[in-house]
PDB file of N, CA and C in Angstrom:
ATOM      1  N   UNK A   1     -36.583   2.298  35.285  1.00  0.00           N
ATOM      2  CA  UNK A   1     -35.903   2.483  34.008  1.00  0.00           C
ATOM      3  C   UNK A   1     -34.618   1.641  33.979  1.00  0.00           C
ATOM      4  N   UNK A   2     -34.371   0.989  32.904  1.00  0.00           N
ATOM      5  CA  UNK A   2     -33.185   0.145  32.802  1.00  0.00           C
ATOM      6  C   UNK A   2     -32.408   0.473  31.533  1.00  0.00           C
ATOM      7  N   UNK A   3     -31.118   0.196  31.563  1.00  0.00           N
ATOM      8  CA  UNK A   3     -30.301   0.420  30.373  1.00  0.00           C
ATOM      9  C   UNK A   3     -30.630  -0.622  29.307  1.00  0.00           C
ATOM     10  N   UNK A   4     -30.343  -0.303  28.062  1.00  0.00           N
ATOM     11  CA  UNK A   4     -30.698  -1.190  26.945  1.00  0.00           C
ATOM     12  C   UNK A   4     -29.996  -2.542  27.036  1.00  0.00           C
ATOM     13  N   UNK A   5     -28.707  -2.537  27.423  1.00  0.00           N
ATOM     14  CA  UNK A   5     -27.971  -3.795  27.556  1.00  0.00           C
ATOM     15  C   UNK A   5     -28.646  -4.723  28.548  1.00  0.00           C
ATOM     16  N   UNK A   6     -29.137  -4.144  29.638  1.00  0.00           N
ATOM     17  CA  UNK A   6     -29.761  -4.961  30.677  1.00  0.00           C
ATOM     18  C   UNK A   6     -31.074  -5.561  30.185  1.00  0.00           C
ATOM     19  N   UNK A   7     -31.860  -4.774  29.468  1.00  0.00           N
ATOM     20  CA  UNK A   7     -33.113  -5.285  28.916  1.00  0.00           C
ATOM     21  C   UNK A   7     -32.842  -6.457  27.987  1.00  0.00           C
ATOM     22  N   UNK A   8     -31.822  -6.298  27.145  1.00  0.00           N
ATOM     23  CA  UNK A   8     -31.463  -7.339  26.188  1.00  0.00           C
ATOM     24  C   UNK A   8     -31.015  -8.604  26.927  1.00  0.00           C
ATOM     25  N   UNK A   9     -30.189  -8.413  27.944  1.00  0.00           N
ATOM     26  CA  UNK A   9     -29.698  -9.554  28.714  1.00  0.00           C
ATOM     27  C   UNK A   9     -30.824 -10.239  29.473  1.00  0.00           C
ATOM     28  N   UNK A  10     -31.775  -9.465  29.973  1.00  0.00           N
ATOM     29  CA  UNK A  10     -32.894 -10.057  30.711  1.00  0.00           C
ATOM     30  C   UNK A  10     -33.701 -10.997  29.820  1.00  0.00           C
ATOM     31  N   UNK A  11     -33.849 -10.617  28.564  1.00  0.00           N
ATOM     32  CA  UNK A  11     -34.568 -11.478  27.621  1.00  0.00           C
ATOM     33  C   UNK A  11     -33.806 -12.780  27.403  1.00  0.00           C
ATOM     34  N   UNK A  12     -32.479 -12.669  27.333  1.00  0.00           N
ATOM     35  CA  UNK A  12     -31.639 -13.839  27.071  1.00  0.00           C
ATOM     36  C   UNK A  12     -31.450 -14.702  28.317  1.00  0.00           C
ATOM     37  N   UNK A  13     -31.437 -14.066  29.474  1.00  0.00           N
ATOM     38  CA  UNK A  13     -31.114 -14.763  30.712  1.00  0.00           C
ATOM     39  C   UNK A  13     -32.045 -14.295  31.825  1.00  0.00           C
ATOM     40  N   UNK A  14     -33.086 -15.070  32.095  1.00  0.00           N
ATOM     41  CA  UNK A  14     -34.070 -14.685  33.104  1.00  0.00           C
ATOM     42  C   UNK A  14     -33.514 -14.687  34.511  1.00  0.00           C
ATOM     43  N   UNK A  15     -32.351 -15.324  34.691  1.00  0.00           N
ATOM     44  CA  UNK A  15     -31.733 -15.380  36.013  1.00  0.00           C
ATOM     45  C   UNK A  15     -31.176 -14.011  36.406  1.00  0.00           C
ATOM     46  N   UNK A  16     -30.730 -13.251  35.410  1.00  0.00           N
ATOM     47  CA  UNK A  16     -30.134 -11.939  35.678  1.00  0.00           C
ATOM     48  C   UNK A  16     -31.193 -10.946  36.136  1.00  0.00           C
ATOM     49  N   UNK A  17     -30.934 -10.302  37.248  1.00  0.00           N
ATOM     50  CA  UNK A  17     -31.825  -9.247  37.727  1.00  0.00           C
ATOM     51  C   UNK A  17     -30.975  -7.996  37.894  1.00  0.00           C
ATOM     52  N   UNK A  18     -31.359  -6.924  37.231  1.00  0.00           N
ATOM     53  CA  UNK A  18     -30.565  -5.700  37.252  1.00  0.00           C
ATOM     54  C   UNK A  18     -31.474  -4.551  37.671  1.00  0.00           C
ATOM     55  N   UNK A  19     -31.197  -4.027  38.841  1.00  0.00           N
ATOM     56  CA  UNK A  19     -32.046  -2.972  39.379  1.00  0.00           C
ATOM     57  C   UNK A  19     -31.244  -1.680  39.455  1.00  0.00           C
ATOM     58  N   UNK A  20     -31.443  -0.809  38.493  1.00  0.00           N
ATOM     59  CA  UNK A  20     -30.633   0.405  38.390  1.00  0.00           C
ATOM     60  C   UNK A  20     -30.932   1.365  39.535  1.00  0.00           C
ATOM     61  N   UNK A  21     -32.210   1.606  39.806  1.00  0.00           N
ATOM     62  CA  UNK A  21     -32.577   2.612  40.795  1.00  0.00           C
ATOM     63  C   UNK A  21     -32.100   2.232  42.197  1.00  0.00           C
ATOM     64  N   UNK A  22     -32.175   0.958  42.532  1.00  0.00           N
ATOM     65  CA  UNK A  22     -31.730   0.506  43.854  1.00  0.00           C
ATOM     66  C   UNK A  22     -30.208   0.379  43.905  1.00  0.00           C
ATOM     67  N   UNK A  23     -29.576   0.408  42.731  1.00  0.00           N
ATOM     68  CA  UNK A  23     -28.131   0.294  42.666  1.00  0.00           C
ATOM     69  C   UNK A  23     -27.654  -1.124  42.940  1.00  0.00           C
ATOM     70  N   UNK A  24     -28.538  -2.092  42.759  1.00  0.00           N
ATOM     71  CA  UNK A  24     -28.193  -3.481  43.054  1.00  0.00           C
ATOM     72  C   UNK A  24     -27.841  -4.216  41.773  1.00  0.00           C
ATOM     73  N   UNK A  25     -26.705  -4.866  41.771  1.00  0.00           N
ATOM     74  CA  UNK A  25     -26.306  -5.672  40.622  1.00  0.00           C
ATOM     75  C   UNK A  25     -26.083  -7.098  41.101  1.00  0.00           C
ATOM     76  N   UNK A  26     -26.774  -8.026  40.497  1.00  0.00           N
ATOM     77  CA  UNK A  26     -26.574  -9.434  40.795  1.00  0.00           C
ATOM     78  C   UNK A  26     -25.887 -10.077  39.598  1.00  0.00           C
ATOM     79  N   UNK A  27     -25.092 -11.083  39.856  1.00  0.00           N
ATOM     80  CA  UNK A  27     -24.362 -11.783  38.802  1.00  0.00           C
ATOM     81  C   UNK A  27     -23.304 -10.861  38.186  1.00  0.00           C
ATOM     82  N   UNK A  28     -22.231 -10.616  38.940  1.00  0.00           N
ATOM     83  CA  UNK A  28     -21.205  -9.661  38.547  1.00  0.00           C
ATOM     84  C   UNK A  28     -20.413 -10.097  37.321  1.00  0.00           C
ATOM     85  N   UNK A  29     -20.447 -11.382  36.984  1.00  0.00           N
ATOM     86  CA  UNK A  29     -19.695 -11.865  35.829  1.00  0.00           C
ATOM     87  C   UNK A  29     -20.363 -11.484  34.512  1.00  0.00           C
ATOM     88  N   UNK A  30     -21.600 -11.018  34.586  1.00  0.00           N
ATOM     89  CA  UNK A  30     -22.329 -10.698  33.363  1.00  0.00           C
ATOM     90  C   UNK A  30     -21.807  -9.429  32.703  1.00  0.00           C
ATOM     91  N   UNK A  31     -22.121  -9.288  31.425  1.00  0.00           N
ATOM     92  CA  UNK A  31     -21.752  -8.096  30.654  1.00  0.00           C
ATOM     93  C   UNK A  31     -22.351  -6.858  31.310  1.00  0.00           C
ATOM     94  N   UNK A  32     -23.544  -7.023  31.802  1.00  0.00           N
ATOM     95  CA  UNK A  32     -24.252  -5.916  32.459  1.00  0.00           C
ATOM     96  C   UNK A  32     -23.653  -5.745  33.849  1.00  0.00           C
ATOM     97  N   UNK A  33     -22.638  -4.905  33.966  1.00  0.00           N
ATOM     98  CA  UNK A  33     -21.846  -4.799  35.183  1.00  0.00           C
ATOM     99  C   UNK A  33     -22.018  -3.424  35.820  1.00  0.00           C
ATOM    100  N   UNK A  34     -21.262  -3.199  36.872  1.00  0.00           N
ATOM    101  CA  UNK A  34     -21.295  -1.894  37.530  1.00  0.00           C
ATOM    102  C   UNK A  34     -20.891  -0.770  36.579  1.00  0.00           C
ATOM    103  N   UNK A  35     -19.966  -1.057  35.669  1.00  0.00           N
ATOM    104  CA  UNK A  35     -19.525  -0.051  34.696  1.00  0.00           C
ATOM    105  C   UNK A  35     -20.709   0.401  33.835  1.00  0.00           C
ATOM    106  N   UNK A  36     -21.502  -0.563  33.354  1.00  0.00           N
ATOM    107  CA  UNK A  36     -22.686  -0.244  32.555  1.00  0.00           C
ATOM    108  C   UNK A  36     -23.654   0.596  33.369  1.00  0.00           C
ATOM    109  N   UNK A  37     -23.847   0.219  34.629  1.00  0.00           N
ATOM    110  CA  UNK A  37     -24.755   0.950  35.509  1.00  0.00           C
ATOM    111  C   UNK A  37     -24.284   2.385  35.700  1.00  0.00           C
ATOM    112  N   UNK A  38     -22.978   2.556  35.912  1.00  0.00           N
ATOM    113  CA  UNK A  38     -22.412   3.889  36.112  1.00  0.00           C
ATOM    114  C   UNK A  38     -22.595   4.752  34.874  1.00  0.00           C
ATOM    115  N   UNK A  39     -22.315   4.176  33.705  1.00  0.00           N
ATOM    116  CA  UNK A  39     -22.483   4.915  32.452  1.00  0.00           C
ATOM    117  C   UNK A  39     -23.934   5.343  32.277  1.00  0.00           C
ATOM    118  N   UNK A  40     -24.865   4.457  32.614  1.00  0.00           N
ATOM    119  CA  UNK A  40     -26.286   4.777  32.487  1.00  0.00           C
ATOM    120  C   UNK A  40     -26.658   5.933  33.405  1.00  0.00           C
ATOM    121  N   UNK A  41     -26.193   5.877  34.649  1.00  0.00           N
ATOM    122  CA  UNK A  41     -26.506   6.939  35.608  1.00  0.00           C
ATOM    123  C   UNK A  41     -25.894   8.265  35.179  1.00  0.00           C
ATOM    124  N   UNK A  42     -24.664   8.233  34.671  1.00  0.00           N
ATOM    125  CA  UNK A  42     -24.025   9.458  34.191  1.00  0.00           C
ATOM    126  C   UNK A  42     -24.816  10.062  33.039  1.00  0.00           C
ATOM    127  N   UNK A  43     -25.337   9.203  32.162  1.00  0.00           N
ATOM    128  CA  UNK A  43     -26.150   9.651  31.041  1.00  0.00           C
ATOM    129  C   UNK A  43     -27.426  10.321  31.548  1.00  0.00           C
ATOM    130  N   UNK A  44     -28.055   9.723  32.580  1.00  0.00           N
ATOM    131  CA  UNK A  44     -29.269  10.295  33.163  1.00  0.00           C
ATOM    132  C   UNK A  44     -28.972  11.667  33.771  1.00  0.00           C
ATOM    133  N   UNK A  45     -27.827  11.796  34.444  1.00  0.00           N
ATOM    134  CA  UNK A  45     -27.440  13.069  35.060  1.00  0.00           C
ATOM    135  C   UNK A  45     -27.260  14.138  33.990  1.00  0.00           C
ATOM    136  N   UNK A  46     -26.606  13.781  32.879  1.00  0.00           N
ATOM    137  CA  UNK A  46     -26.415  14.722  31.772  1.00  0.00           C
ATOM    138  C   UNK A  46     -27.762  15.207  31.234  1.00  0.00           C
ATOM    139  N   UNK A  47     -28.710  14.277  31.080  1.00  0.00           N
ATOM    140  CA  UNK A  47     -30.036  14.635  30.573  1.00  0.00           C
ATOM    141  C   UNK A  47     -30.740  15.592  31.531  1.00  0.00           C
ATOM    142  N   UNK A  48     -30.661  15.296  32.827  1.00  0.00           N
ATOM    143  CA  UNK A  48     -31.306  16.153  33.824  1.00  0.00           C
ATOM    144  C   UNK A  48     -30.684  17.546  33.838  1.00  0.00           C
ATOM    145  N   UNK A  49     -29.355  17.613  33.736  1.00  0.00           N
ATOM    146  CA  UNK A  49     -28.669  18.915  33.696  1.00  0.00           C
ATOM    147  C   UNK A  49     -29.101  19.709  32.475  1.00  0.00           C
ATOM    148  N   UNK A  50     -29.197  19.033  31.337  1.00  0.00           N
ATOM    149  CA  UNK A  50     -29.611  19.700  30.103  1.00  0.00           C
ATOM    150  C   UNK A  50     -31.030  20.245  30.240  1.00  0.00           C
ATOM    151  N   UNK A  51     -31.904  19.486  30.894  1.00  0.00           N
ATOM    152  CA  UNK A  51     -33.285  19.924  31.109  1.00  0.00           C
ATOM    153  C   UNK A  51     -33.322  21.154  32.006  1.00  0.00           C
ATOM    154  N   UNK A  52     -32.558  21.134  33.087  1.00  0.00           N
ATOM    155  CA  UNK A  52     -32.578  22.260  34.029  1.00  0.00           C
ATOM    156  C   UNK A  52     -31.996  23.524  33.403  1.00  0.00           C
ATOM    157  N   UNK A  53     -30.996  23.363  32.531  1.00  0.00           N
ATOM    158  CA  UNK A  53     -30.422  24.510  31.829  1.00  0.00           C
ATOM    159  C   UNK A  53     -31.436  25.072  30.837  1.00  0.00           C
ATOM    160  N   UNK A  54     -32.184  24.189  30.181  1.00  0.00           N
ATOM    161  CA  UNK A  54     -33.182  24.605  29.195  1.00  0.00           C
ATOM    162  C   UNK A  54     -34.304  25.408  29.855  1.00  0.00           C
ATOM    163  N   UNK A  55     -34.598  25.085  31.101  1.00  0.00           N
ATOM    164  CA  UNK A  55     -35.643  25.819  31.813  1.00  0.00           C
ATOM    165  C   UNK A  55     -35.056  27.122  32.332  1.00  0.00           C
TER     166      UNK A  55
END
């Protein structure tokens, strides 16, 4: 699973490789940075917490 910004950037720049699950970010100068990755992971955690509370 990848964040939307990363998908968009991948289409524009095939050189960029962004692997969220492995936590690997290549090309640190890109818009798709560690901050974006962190926000995405925090969002995933919120979703998982909401699911566990719902159950």
